PDB file of N, CA and C in Angstrom:
ATOM      1  N   MET A   1      -0.975   4.490  14.762  1.00  0.00           N
ATOM      2  CA  MET A   1      -2.171   5.235  14.617  1.00  0.00           C
ATOM      3  C   MET A   1      -2.072   6.581  15.264  1.00  0.00           C
ATOM      4  N   ASP A   2      -1.708   6.565  16.560  1.00  0.00           N
ATOM      5  CA  ASP A   2      -1.562   7.828  17.311  1.00  0.00           C
ATOM      6  C   ASP A   2      -0.363   7.817  18.221  1.00  0.00           C
ATOM      7  N   ASP A   3       0.550   6.863  18.045  1.00  0.00           N
ATOM      8  CA  ASP A   3       1.754   6.690  18.835  1.00  0.00           C
ATOM      9  C   ASP A   3       1.462   6.175  20.200  1.00  0.00           C
ATOM     10  N   TYR A   4       0.252   5.775  20.519  1.00  0.00           N
ATOM     11  CA  TYR A   4      -0.062   5.210  21.865  1.00  0.00           C
ATOM     12  C   TYR A   4      -0.859   3.923  21.753  1.00  0.00           C
ATOM     13  N   LEU A   5      -1.522   3.673  20.661  1.00  0.00           N
ATOM     14  CA  LEU A   5      -2.390   2.525  20.498  1.00  0.00           C
ATOM     15  C   LEU A   5      -1.921   1.618  19.435  1.00  0.00           C
ATOM     16  N   SER A   6      -1.732   0.260  19.818  1.00  0.00           N
ATOM     17  CA  SER A   6      -1.283  -0.719  18.833  1.00  0.00           C
ATOM     18  C   SER A   6      -2.225  -1.922  18.779  1.00  0.00           C
ATOM     19  N   PHE A   7      -2.348  -2.459  17.582  1.00  0.00           N
ATOM     20  CA  PHE A   7      -3.123  -3.704  17.388  1.00  0.00           C
ATOM     21  C   PHE A   7      -2.148  -4.734  16.902  1.00  0.00           C
ATOM     22  N   VAL A   8      -2.098  -5.896  17.526  1.00  0.00           N
ATOM     23  CA  VAL A   8      -1.175  -6.977  17.232  1.00  0.00           C
ATOM     24  C   VAL A   8      -1.975  -8.258  17.158  1.00  0.00           C
ATOM     25  N   GLY A   9      -1.824  -9.021  16.037  1.00  0.00           N
ATOM     26  CA  GLY A   9      -2.519 -10.250  15.996  1.00  0.00           C
ATOM     27  C   GLY A   9      -2.552 -10.836  14.603  1.00  0.00           C
ATOM     28  N   SER A  10      -3.329 -11.864  14.470  1.00  0.00           N
ATOM     29  CA  SER A  10      -3.342 -12.603  13.234  1.00  0.00           C
ATOM     30  C   SER A  10      -4.675 -12.500  12.442  1.00  0.00           C
ATOM     31  N   ALA A  11      -5.677 -11.818  13.004  1.00  0.00           N
ATOM     32  CA  ALA A  11      -6.985 -11.759  12.274  1.00  0.00           C
ATOM     33  C   ALA A  11      -6.918 -10.809  11.064  1.00  0.00           C
ATOM     34  N   ASN A  12      -7.517 -11.332  10.018  1.00  0.00           N
ATOM     35  CA  ASN A  12      -7.666 -10.487   8.775  1.00  0.00           C
ATOM     36  C   ASN A  12      -9.100 -10.166   8.729  1.00  0.00           C
ATOM     37  N   MET A  13      -9.501  -9.227   7.838  1.00  0.00           N
ATOM     38  CA  MET A  13     -10.877  -8.814   7.678  1.00  0.00           C
ATOM     39  C   MET A  13     -11.555  -9.728   6.657  1.00  0.00           C
ATOM     40  N   ASP A  14     -11.788 -10.941   7.009  1.00  0.00           N
ATOM     41  CA  ASP A  14     -12.478 -11.871   6.105  1.00  0.00           C
ATOM     42  C   ASP A  14     -13.291 -12.948   6.911  1.00  0.00           C
ATOM     43  N   HIS A  15     -14.132 -13.544   6.235  1.00  0.00           N
ATOM     44  CA  HIS A  15     -15.024 -14.527   6.880  1.00  0.00           C
ATOM     45  C   HIS A  15     -14.279 -15.645   7.585  1.00  0.00           C
ATOM     46  N   ARG A  16     -13.259 -16.211   6.959  1.00  0.00           N
ATOM     47  CA  ARG A  16     -12.516 -17.291   7.556  1.00  0.00           C
ATOM     48  C   ARG A  16     -11.852 -16.882   8.926  1.00  0.00           C
ATOM     49  N   SER A  17     -11.276 -15.708   8.876  1.00  0.00           N
ATOM     50  CA  SER A  17     -10.556 -15.173  10.120  1.00  0.00           C
ATOM     51  C   SER A  17     -11.558 -15.035  11.261  1.00  0.00           C
ATOM     52  N   PHE A  18     -12.750 -14.445  10.975  1.00  0.00           N
ATOM     53  CA  PHE A  18     -13.691 -14.212  11.996  1.00  0.00           C
ATOM     54  C   PHE A  18     -14.442 -15.373  12.500  1.00  0.00           C
ATOM     55  N   ASP A  19     -14.833 -16.291  11.593  1.00  0.00           N
ATOM     56  CA  ASP A  19     -15.692 -17.386  11.923  1.00  0.00           C
ATOM     57  C   ASP A  19     -15.043 -18.839  12.048  1.00  0.00           C
ATOM     58  N   LEU A  20     -14.001 -19.040  11.304  1.00  0.00           N
ATOM     59  CA  LEU A  20     -13.467 -20.420  11.218  1.00  0.00           C
ATOM     60  C   LEU A  20     -12.114 -20.617  11.941  1.00  0.00           C
ATOM     61  N   ASN A  21     -11.214 -19.615  11.808  1.00  0.00           N
ATOM     62  CA  ASN A  21      -9.860 -19.818  12.320  1.00  0.00           C
ATOM     63  C   ASN A  21      -9.635 -19.435  13.758  1.00  0.00           C
ATOM     64  N   PHE A  22     -10.608 -18.826  14.447  1.00  0.00           N
ATOM     65  CA  PHE A  22     -10.473 -18.456  15.829  1.00  0.00           C
ATOM     66  C   PHE A  22      -9.273 -17.541  16.021  1.00  0.00           C
ATOM     67  N   GLU A  23      -9.010 -16.630  15.131  1.00  0.00           N
ATOM     68  CA  GLU A  23      -7.886 -15.776  15.226  1.00  0.00           C
ATOM     69  C   GLU A  23      -8.180 -14.677  16.254  1.00  0.00           C
ATOM     70  N   ILE A  24      -7.160 -14.002  16.659  1.00  0.00           N
ATOM     71  CA  ILE A  24      -7.308 -12.992  17.778  1.00  0.00           C
ATOM     72  C   ILE A  24      -6.348 -11.875  17.583  1.00  0.00           C
ATOM     73  N   ASN A  25      -6.719 -10.714  18.041  1.00  0.00           N
ATOM     74  CA  ASN A  25      -5.825  -9.568  18.104  1.00  0.00           C
ATOM     75  C   ASN A  25      -5.766  -9.011  19.477  1.00  0.00           C
ATOM     76  N   ALA A  26      -4.646  -8.411  19.809  1.00  0.00           N
ATOM     77  CA  ALA A  26      -4.486  -7.720  21.146  1.00  0.00           C
ATOM     78  C   ALA A  26      -4.391  -6.253  20.857  1.00  0.00           C
ATOM     79  N   VAL A  27      -5.080  -5.447  21.710  1.00  0.00           N
ATOM     80  CA  VAL A  27      -4.993  -4.017  21.652  1.00  0.00           C
ATOM     81  C   VAL A  27      -4.108  -3.624  22.799  1.00  0.00           C
ATOM     82  N   ILE A  28      -3.012  -2.917  22.489  1.00  0.00           N
ATOM     83  CA  ILE A  28      -2.017  -2.549  23.472  1.00  0.00           C
ATOM     84  C   ILE A  28      -1.865  -1.041  23.543  1.00  0.00           C
ATOM     85  N   TYR A  29      -1.991  -0.479  24.750  1.00  0.00           N
ATOM     86  CA  TYR A  29      -1.890   0.956  24.888  1.00  0.00           C
ATOM     87  C   TYR A  29      -0.576   1.289  25.546  1.00  0.00           C
ATOM     88  N   GLY A  30       0.263   2.065  24.879  1.00  0.00           N
ATOM     89  CA  GLY A  30       1.549   2.465  25.422  1.00  0.00           C
ATOM     90  C   GLY A  30       2.471   2.994  24.425  1.00  0.00           C
ATOM     91  N   LYS A  31       3.041   4.149  24.665  1.00  0.00           N
ATOM     92  CA  LYS A  31       3.933   4.812  23.742  1.00  0.00           C
ATOM     93  C   LYS A  31       5.192   3.973  23.399  1.00  0.00           C
ATOM     94  N   GLU A  32       5.833   3.371  24.445  1.00  0.00           N
ATOM     95  CA  GLU A  32       7.069   2.637  24.201  1.00  0.00           C
ATOM     96  C   GLU A  32       6.831   1.439  23.318  1.00  0.00           C
ATOM     97  N   PHE A  33       5.756   0.691  23.509  1.00  0.00           N
ATOM     98  CA  PHE A  33       5.426  -0.521  22.717  1.00  0.00           C
ATOM     99  C   PHE A  33       5.149  -0.026  21.247  1.00  0.00           C
ATOM    100  N   CYS A  34       4.388   1.108  21.066  1.00  0.00           N
ATOM    101  CA  CYS A  34       4.154   1.547  19.766  1.00  0.00           C
ATOM    102  C   CYS A  34       5.434   1.911  19.029  1.00  0.00           C
ATOM    103  N   ALA A  35       6.374   2.516  19.689  1.00  0.00           N
ATOM    104  CA  ALA A  35       7.669   2.868  19.128  1.00  0.00           C
ATOM    105  C   ALA A  35       8.392   1.631  18.660  1.00  0.00           C
ATOM    106  N   GLN A  36       8.343   0.552  19.527  1.00  0.00           N
ATOM    107  CA  GLN A  36       9.016  -0.695  19.179  1.00  0.00           C
ATOM    108  C   GLN A  36       8.374  -1.295  17.870  1.00  0.00           C
ATOM    109  N   LEU A  37       7.073  -1.311  17.805  1.00  0.00           N
ATOM    110  CA  LEU A  37       6.387  -1.802  16.637  1.00  0.00           C
ATOM    111  C   LEU A  37       6.699  -1.023  15.367  1.00  0.00           C
ATOM    112  N   ALA A  38       6.744   0.279  15.514  1.00  0.00           N
ATOM    113  CA  ALA A  38       7.052   1.193  14.389  1.00  0.00           C
ATOM    114  C   ALA A  38       8.438   0.874  13.877  1.00  0.00           C
ATOM    115  N   GLN A  39       9.395   0.712  14.804  1.00  0.00           N
ATOM    116  CA  GLN A  39      10.769   0.369  14.369  1.00  0.00           C
ATOM    117  C   GLN A  39      10.854  -0.970  13.701  1.00  0.00           C
ATOM    118  N   SER A  40      10.103  -1.972  14.242  1.00  0.00           N
ATOM    119  CA  SER A  40      10.090  -3.247  13.580  1.00  0.00           C
ATOM    120  C   SER A  40       9.527  -3.167  12.176  1.00  0.00           C
ATOM    121  N   PHE A  41       8.465  -2.377  11.998  1.00  0.00           N
ATOM    122  CA  PHE A  41       7.865  -2.190  10.671  1.00  0.00           C
ATOM    123  C   PHE A  41       8.818  -1.564   9.758  1.00  0.00           C
ATOM    124  N   LEU A  42       9.591  -0.549  10.171  1.00  0.00           N
ATOM    125  CA  LEU A  42      10.560   0.077   9.340  1.00  0.00           C
ATOM    126  C   LEU A  42      11.688  -0.847   8.933  1.00  0.00           C
ATOM    127  N   GLN A  43      12.065  -1.745   9.851  1.00  0.00           N
ATOM    128  CA  GLN A  43      13.080  -2.735   9.527  1.00  0.00           C
ATOM    129  C   GLN A  43      12.570  -3.712   8.480  1.00  0.00           C
ATOM    130  N   ASP A  44      11.282  -4.104   8.638  1.00  0.00           N
ATOM    131  CA  ASP A  44      10.676  -4.961   7.608  1.00  0.00           C
ATOM    132  C   ASP A  44      10.706  -4.335   6.221  1.00  0.00           C
ATOM    133  N   LEU A  45      10.408  -3.023   6.207  1.00  0.00           N
ATOM    134  CA  LEU A  45      10.467  -2.289   4.923  1.00  0.00           C
ATOM    135  C   LEU A  45      11.872  -2.291   4.370  1.00  0.00           C
ATOM    136  N   ASP A  46      12.869  -2.137   5.202  1.00  0.00           N
ATOM    137  CA  ASP A  46      14.272  -2.162   4.701  1.00  0.00           C
ATOM    138  C   ASP A  46      14.627  -3.517   4.166  1.00  0.00           C
ATOM    139  N   ASP A  47      14.111  -4.610   4.776  1.00  0.00           N
ATOM    140  CA  ASP A  47      14.419  -5.980   4.368  1.00  0.00           C
ATOM    141  C   ASP A  47      13.538  -6.434   3.167  1.00  0.00           C
ATOM    142  N   SER A  48      12.590  -5.669   2.753  1.00  0.00           N
ATOM    143  CA  SER A  48      11.663  -6.130   1.702  1.00  0.00           C
ATOM    144  C   SER A  48      12.157  -5.727   0.308  1.00  0.00           C
ATOM    145  N   LYS A  49      11.574  -6.299  -0.654  1.00  0.00           N
ATOM    146  CA  LYS A  49      11.890  -6.083  -2.051  1.00  0.00           C
ATOM    147  C   LYS A  49      10.646  -5.726  -2.826  1.00  0.00           C
ATOM    148  N   LEU A  50      10.624  -4.656  -3.606  1.00  0.00           N
ATOM    149  CA  LEU A  50       9.541  -4.211  -4.440  1.00  0.00           C
ATOM    150  C   LEU A  50       9.300  -5.203  -5.580  1.00  0.00           C
ATOM    151  N   ILE A  51       8.051  -5.686  -5.715  1.00  0.00           N
ATOM    152  CA  ILE A  51       7.695  -6.522  -6.831  1.00  0.00           C
ATOM    153  C   ILE A  51       6.670  -5.774  -7.621  1.00  0.00           C
ATOM    154  N   THR A  52       6.982  -5.521  -8.880  1.00  0.00           N
ATOM    155  CA  THR A  52       6.045  -4.795  -9.708  1.00  0.00           C
ATOM    156  C   THR A  52       5.095  -5.774 -10.353  1.00  0.00           C
ATOM    157  N   GLY A  53       4.043  -5.281 -10.980  1.00  0.00           N
ATOM    158  CA  GLY A  53       3.085  -6.057 -11.613  1.00  0.00           C
ATOM    159  C   GLY A  53       3.712  -6.876 -12.787  1.00  0.00           C
ATOM    160  N   GLN A  54       4.588  -6.241 -13.483  1.00  0.00           N
ATOM    161  CA  GLN A  54       5.286  -6.898 -14.553  1.00  0.00           C
ATOM    162  C   GLN A  54       6.161  -8.035 -14.024  1.00  0.00           C
ATOM    163  N   MET A  55       6.892  -7.857 -12.949  1.00  0.00           N
ATOM    164  CA  MET A  55       7.720  -8.874 -12.378  1.00  0.00           C
ATOM    165  C   MET A  55       6.825 -10.039 -11.927  1.00  0.00           C
ATOM    166  N   TRP A  56       5.620  -9.785 -11.380  1.00  0.00           N
ATOM    167  CA  TRP A  56       4.704 -10.777 -10.888  1.00  0.00           C
ATOM    168  C   TRP A  56       4.201 -11.590 -12.080  1.00  0.00           C
ATOM    169  N   ARG A  57       3.868 -10.981 -13.159  1.00  0.00           N
ATOM    170  CA  ARG A  57       3.373 -11.706 -14.325  1.00  0.00           C
ATOM    171  C   ARG A  57       4.471 -12.511 -14.993  1.00  0.00           C
ATOM    172  N   GLN A  58       5.744 -12.157 -14.776  1.00  0.00           N
ATOM    173  CA  GLN A  58       6.825 -12.894 -15.440  1.00  0.00           C
ATOM    174  C   GLN A  58       7.444 -13.991 -14.541  1.00  0.00           C
ATOM    175  N   ARG A  59       6.832 -14.291 -13.398  1.00  0.00           N
ATOM    176  CA  ARG A  59       7.426 -15.255 -12.522  1.00  0.00           C
ATOM    177  C   ARG A  59       7.439 -16.652 -13.214  1.00  0.00           C
ATOM    178  N   GLY A  60       8.199 -17.563 -12.778  1.00  0.00           N
ATOM    179  CA  GLY A  60       8.381 -18.826 -13.458  1.00  0.00           C
ATOM    180  C   GLY A  60       7.185 -19.788 -13.361  1.00  0.00           C
ATOM    181  N   LYS A  61       7.155 -20.785 -14.249  1.00  0.00           N
ATOM    182  CA  LYS A  61       6.081 -21.770 -14.294  1.00  0.00           C
ATOM    183  C   LYS A  61       6.059 -22.578 -13.061  1.00  0.00           C
ATOM    184  N   ARG A  62       7.217 -22.918 -12.498  1.00  0.00           N
ATOM    185  CA  ARG A  62       7.286 -23.708 -11.243  1.00  0.00           C
ATOM    186  C   ARG A  62       6.678 -22.931 -10.026  1.00  0.00           C
ATOM    187  N   GLU A  63       6.964 -21.662 -10.043  1.00  0.00           N
ATOM    188  CA  GLU A  63       6.362 -20.855  -8.973  1.00  0.00           C
ATOM    189  C   GLU A  63       4.831 -20.786  -9.088  1.00  0.00           C
ATOM    190  N   VAL A  64       4.369 -20.538 -10.272  1.00  0.00           N
ATOM    191  CA  VAL A  64       2.928 -20.517 -10.504  1.00  0.00           C
ATOM    192  C   VAL A  64       2.327 -21.839 -10.161  1.00  0.00           C
ATOM    193  N   LEU A  65       2.914 -22.940 -10.550  1.00  0.00           N
ATOM    194  CA  LEU A  65       2.427 -24.340 -10.204  1.00  0.00           C
ATOM    195  C   LEU A  65       2.395 -24.469  -8.643  1.00  0.00           C
ATOM    196  N   ALA A  66       3.437 -24.094  -7.966  1.00  0.00           N
ATOM    197  CA  ALA A  66       3.448 -24.240  -6.566  1.00  0.00           C
ATOM    198  C   ALA A  66       2.386 -23.432  -5.866  1.00  0.00           C
ATOM    199  N   GLU A  67       2.109 -22.203  -6.403  1.00  0.00           N
ATOM    200  CA  GLU A  67       1.017 -21.356  -5.878  1.00  0.00           C
ATOM    201  C   GLU A  67      -0.364 -22.046  -6.095  1.00  0.00           C
ATOM    202  N   LYS A  68      -0.533 -22.640  -7.258  1.00  0.00           N
ATOM    203  CA  LYS A  68      -1.820 -23.373  -7.492  1.00  0.00           C
ATOM    204  C   LYS A  68      -2.051 -24.531  -6.577  1.00  0.00           C
ATOM    205  N   ILE A  69      -0.965 -25.257  -6.354  1.00  0.00           N
ATOM    206  CA  ILE A  69      -1.016 -26.403  -5.454  1.00  0.00           C
ATOM    207  C   ILE A  69      -1.345 -25.995  -4.023  1.00  0.00           C
ATOM    208  N   ALA A  70      -0.658 -24.965  -3.593  1.00  0.00           N
ATOM    209  CA  ALA A  70      -0.895 -24.408  -2.225  1.00  0.00           C
ATOM    210  C   ALA A  70      -2.351 -23.908  -2.136  1.00  0.00           C
ATOM    211  N   ARG A  71      -2.923 -23.311  -3.143  1.00  0.00           N
ATOM    212  CA  ARG A  71      -4.307 -22.845  -3.116  1.00  0.00           C
ATOM    213  C   ARG A  71      -5.280 -24.030  -2.927  1.00  0.00           C
ATOM    214  N   LEU A  72      -4.931 -25.210  -3.462  1.00  0.00           N
ATOM    215  CA  LEU A  72      -5.810 -26.320  -3.239  1.00  0.00           C
ATOM    216  C   LEU A  72      -5.904 -26.729  -1.761  1.00  0.00           C
ATOM    217  N   PHE A  73      -4.762 -26.526  -0.993  1.00  0.00           N
ATOM    218  CA  PHE A  73      -4.728 -26.874   0.422  1.00  0.00           C
ATOM    219  C   PHE A  73      -5.048 -25.767   1.321  1.00  0.00           C
ATOM    220  N   SER A  74      -5.338 -24.555   0.759  1.00  0.00           N
ATOM    221  CA  SER A  74      -5.638 -23.389   1.649  1.00  0.00           C
ATOM    222  C   SER A  74      -6.748 -23.607   2.640  1.00  0.00           C
ATOM    223  N   PRO A  75      -7.816 -24.319   2.318  1.00  0.00           N
ATOM    224  CA  PRO A  75      -8.829 -24.574   3.340  1.00  0.00           C
ATOM    225  C   PRO A  75      -8.354 -25.321   4.546  1.00  0.00           C
ATOM    226  N   LEU A  76      -7.274 -26.132   4.374  1.00  0.00           N
ATOM    227  CA  LEU A  76      -6.781 -26.896   5.472  1.00  0.00           C
ATOM    228  C   LEU A  76      -5.686 -26.167   6.308  1.00  0.00           C
ATOM    229  N   LEU A  77      -5.200 -25.051   5.765  1.00  0.00           N
ATOM    230  CA  LEU A  77      -4.097 -24.321   6.395  1.00  0.00           C
ATOM    231  C   LEU A  77      -4.633 -23.372   7.473  1.00  0.00           C
TER     232      LEU A  77
END
């Protein structure tokens, strides 16, 4: 954000994260830590793969089935 302030945690901006999952974030102030997080993020980008909308729509039936099964158990996860 400004090279001095970092937010690290698991909370998302949704009802489940705020009310049900007891998730938490830490606010860390420090230039060195911000630089480490930025480097980690850039490494994640290097290790990632772009998935286009077309690629997503063409994924296999097994993958789609696994996603639907996982969605059934999402309230328990």
